[in-house]
Amino acid sequence: MNARSLVSKMDELLILVEVYKPHIIGITESWGNSDITDSELSITGFNLFRRDRPTTHKGGGVLLYVSDELEAVEWKAQS
């Protein structure tokens, strides 16, 4: 899903989750930043993984929701 500012579309996303019951949800263009808390983006029953674009840029950002039924672990590559 390309959200172009997910905060304003959370109600729509929650309806889609209820209807389709996915295990994994990928969101591009979340437009997240440090002013938006994880709790504003959370979905019950899912772990949230997020990467926001720096606040000096508008747009960007990705979110990955993984069902609590799956064992998800965040992995960061060594640089």
C-alpha atoms as a PDB file:
ATOM      1  CA  MET A   1       0.000   0.000   0.000  1.00  0.00           C
ATOM      2  CA  ASN A   2       1.305   3.467  -0.880  1.00  0.00           C
ATOM      3  CA  ALA A   3      -0.182   5.581   1.891  1.00  0.00           C
ATOM      4  CA  ARG A   4       1.020   9.144   1.249  1.00  0.00           C
ATOM      5  CA  SER A   5       0.619   9.988   4.939  1.00  0.00           C
ATOM      6  CA  LEU A   6      -0.681   6.976   6.814  1.00  0.00           C
ATOM      7  CA  VAL A   7      -1.835   8.802   9.950  1.00  0.00           C
ATOM      8  CA  SER A   8      -4.752  10.301   8.030  1.00  0.00           C
ATOM      9  CA  LYS A   9      -5.643   6.883   6.588  1.00  0.00           C
ATOM     10  CA  MET A  10      -5.442   4.643   9.670  1.00  0.00           C
ATOM     11  CA  ASP A  11      -9.226   4.114   9.781  1.00  0.00           C
ATOM     12  CA  GLU A  12      -9.156   2.844   6.184  1.00  0.00           C
ATOM     13  CA  LEU A  13      -6.192   0.565   6.935  1.00  0.00           C
ATOM     14  CA  LEU A  14      -7.913  -0.894  10.008  1.00  0.00           C
ATOM     15  CA  ILE A  15     -10.969  -1.746   7.894  1.00  0.00           C
ATOM     16  CA  LEU A  16      -8.768  -3.469   5.291  1.00  0.00           C
ATOM     17  CA  VAL A  17      -7.049  -5.478   8.040  1.00  0.00           C
ATOM     18  CA  GLU A  18     -10.419  -6.579   9.413  1.00  0.00           C
ATOM     19  CA  VAL A  19     -11.704  -7.617   5.973  1.00  0.00           C
ATOM     20  CA  TYR A  20      -8.598  -9.353   4.574  1.00  0.00           C
ATOM     21  CA  LYS A  21      -6.957 -10.577   7.807  1.00  0.00           C
ATOM     22  CA  PRO A  22      -3.379 -10.371   6.483  1.00  0.00           C
ATOM     23  CA  HIS A  23      -0.333 -11.691   8.322  1.00  0.00           C
ATOM     24  CA  ILE A  24       2.081  -9.135   6.849  1.00  0.00           C
ATOM     25  CA  ILE A  25       1.369  -5.572   5.738  1.00  0.00           C
ATOM     26  CA  GLY A  26       3.894  -3.381   3.896  1.00  0.00           C
ATOM     27  CA  ILE A  27       3.378   0.374   3.655  1.00  0.00           C
ATOM     28  CA  THR A  28       5.396   2.809   1.543  1.00  0.00           C
ATOM     29  CA  GLU A  29       5.264   6.600   1.737  1.00  0.00           C
ATOM     30  CA  SER A  30       4.154   6.476   5.372  1.00  0.00           C
ATOM     31  CA  TRP A  31       5.372  10.060   5.808  1.00  0.00           C
ATOM     32  CA  GLY A  32       6.331   9.155   9.358  1.00  0.00           C
ATOM     33  CA  ASN A  33       8.618  11.336  11.432  1.00  0.00           C
ATOM     34  CA  SER A  34       9.736  11.704  15.036  1.00  0.00           C
ATOM     35  CA  ASP A  35       6.560  13.660  15.867  1.00  0.00           C
ATOM     36  CA  ILE A  36       4.408  10.595  15.074  1.00  0.00           C
ATOM     37  CA  THR A  37       4.493   7.962  17.800  1.00  0.00           C
ATOM     38  CA  ASP A  38       4.330   4.199  17.282  1.00  0.00           C
ATOM     39  CA  SER A  39       1.022   4.208  19.181  1.00  0.00           C
ATOM     40  CA  GLU A  40      -0.529   6.416  16.478  1.00  0.00           C
ATOM     41  CA  LEU A  41       0.409   3.806  13.867  1.00  0.00           C
ATOM     42  CA  SER A  42      -0.169   0.628  15.862  1.00  0.00           C
ATOM     43  CA  ILE A  43      -2.558  -2.140  14.863  1.00  0.00           C
ATOM     44  CA  THR A  44      -3.738  -4.570  17.525  1.00  0.00           C
ATOM     45  CA  GLY A  45      -2.285  -8.022  16.924  1.00  0.00           C
ATOM     46  CA  PHE A  46       0.688  -6.760  14.888  1.00  0.00           C
ATOM     47  CA  ASN A  47       4.311  -5.863  15.588  1.00  0.00           C
ATOM     48  CA  LEU A  48       5.351  -2.607  13.903  1.00  0.00           C
ATOM     49  CA  PHE A  49       8.706  -2.066  12.240  1.00  0.00           C
ATOM     50  CA  ARG A  50       9.312   1.410  10.842  1.00  0.00           C
ATOM     51  CA  ARG A  51      11.906   3.507   9.071  1.00  0.00           C
ATOM     52  CA  ASP A  52      11.137   7.196   8.711  1.00  0.00           C
ATOM     53  CA  ARG A  53      12.785   9.612   6.329  1.00  0.00           C
ATOM     54  CA  PRO A  54      14.781  12.384   8.060  1.00  0.00           C
ATOM     55  CA  THR A  55      12.576  15.312   9.121  1.00  0.00           C
ATOM     56  CA  THR A  56      14.348  17.556   6.614  1.00  0.00           C
ATOM     57  CA  HIS A  57      12.475  15.763   3.811  1.00  0.00           C
ATOM     58  CA  LYS A  58       8.740  15.530   3.213  1.00  0.00           C
ATOM     59  CA  GLY A  59       7.400  12.114   2.330  1.00  0.00           C
ATOM     60  CA  GLY A  60       9.153   8.773   2.289  1.00  0.00           C
ATOM     61  CA  GLY A  61       9.221   6.247   5.069  1.00  0.00           C
ATOM     62  CA  VAL A  62       8.207   2.612   5.222  1.00  0.00           C
ATOM     63  CA  LEU A  63       6.286   0.485   7.718  1.00  0.00           C
ATOM     64  CA  LEU A  64       6.075  -3.254   8.079  1.00  0.00           C
ATOM     65  CA  TYR A  65       3.379  -4.835  10.216  1.00  0.00           C
ATOM     66  CA  VAL A  66       3.853  -8.504  11.122  1.00  0.00           C
ATOM     67  CA  SER A  67       1.142 -10.529  12.828  1.00  0.00           C
ATOM     68  CA  ASP A  68       1.769 -11.541  16.434  1.00  0.00           C
ATOM     69  CA  GLU A  69       1.125 -15.092  15.200  1.00  0.00           C
ATOM     70  CA  LEU A  70       4.490 -14.978  13.412  1.00  0.00           C
ATOM     71  CA  GLU A  71       7.858 -14.719  15.124  1.00  0.00           C
ATOM     72  CA  ALA A  72       9.328 -11.541  13.643  1.00  0.00           C
ATOM     73  CA  VAL A  73      12.794 -10.257  14.499  1.00  0.00           C
ATOM     74  CA  GLU A  74      14.296  -6.969  13.342  1.00  0.00           C
ATOM     75  CA  TRP A  75      17.657  -7.476  11.672  1.00  0.00           C
ATOM     76  CA  LYS A  76      20.043  -4.654  10.891  1.00  0.00           C
ATOM     77  CA  ALA A  77      22.905  -5.156   8.473  1.00  0.00           C
ATOM     78  CA  GLN A  78      26.398  -4.407   9.739  1.00  0.00           C
ATOM     79  CA  SER A  79      28.018  -1.494   7.930  1.00  0.00           C
END
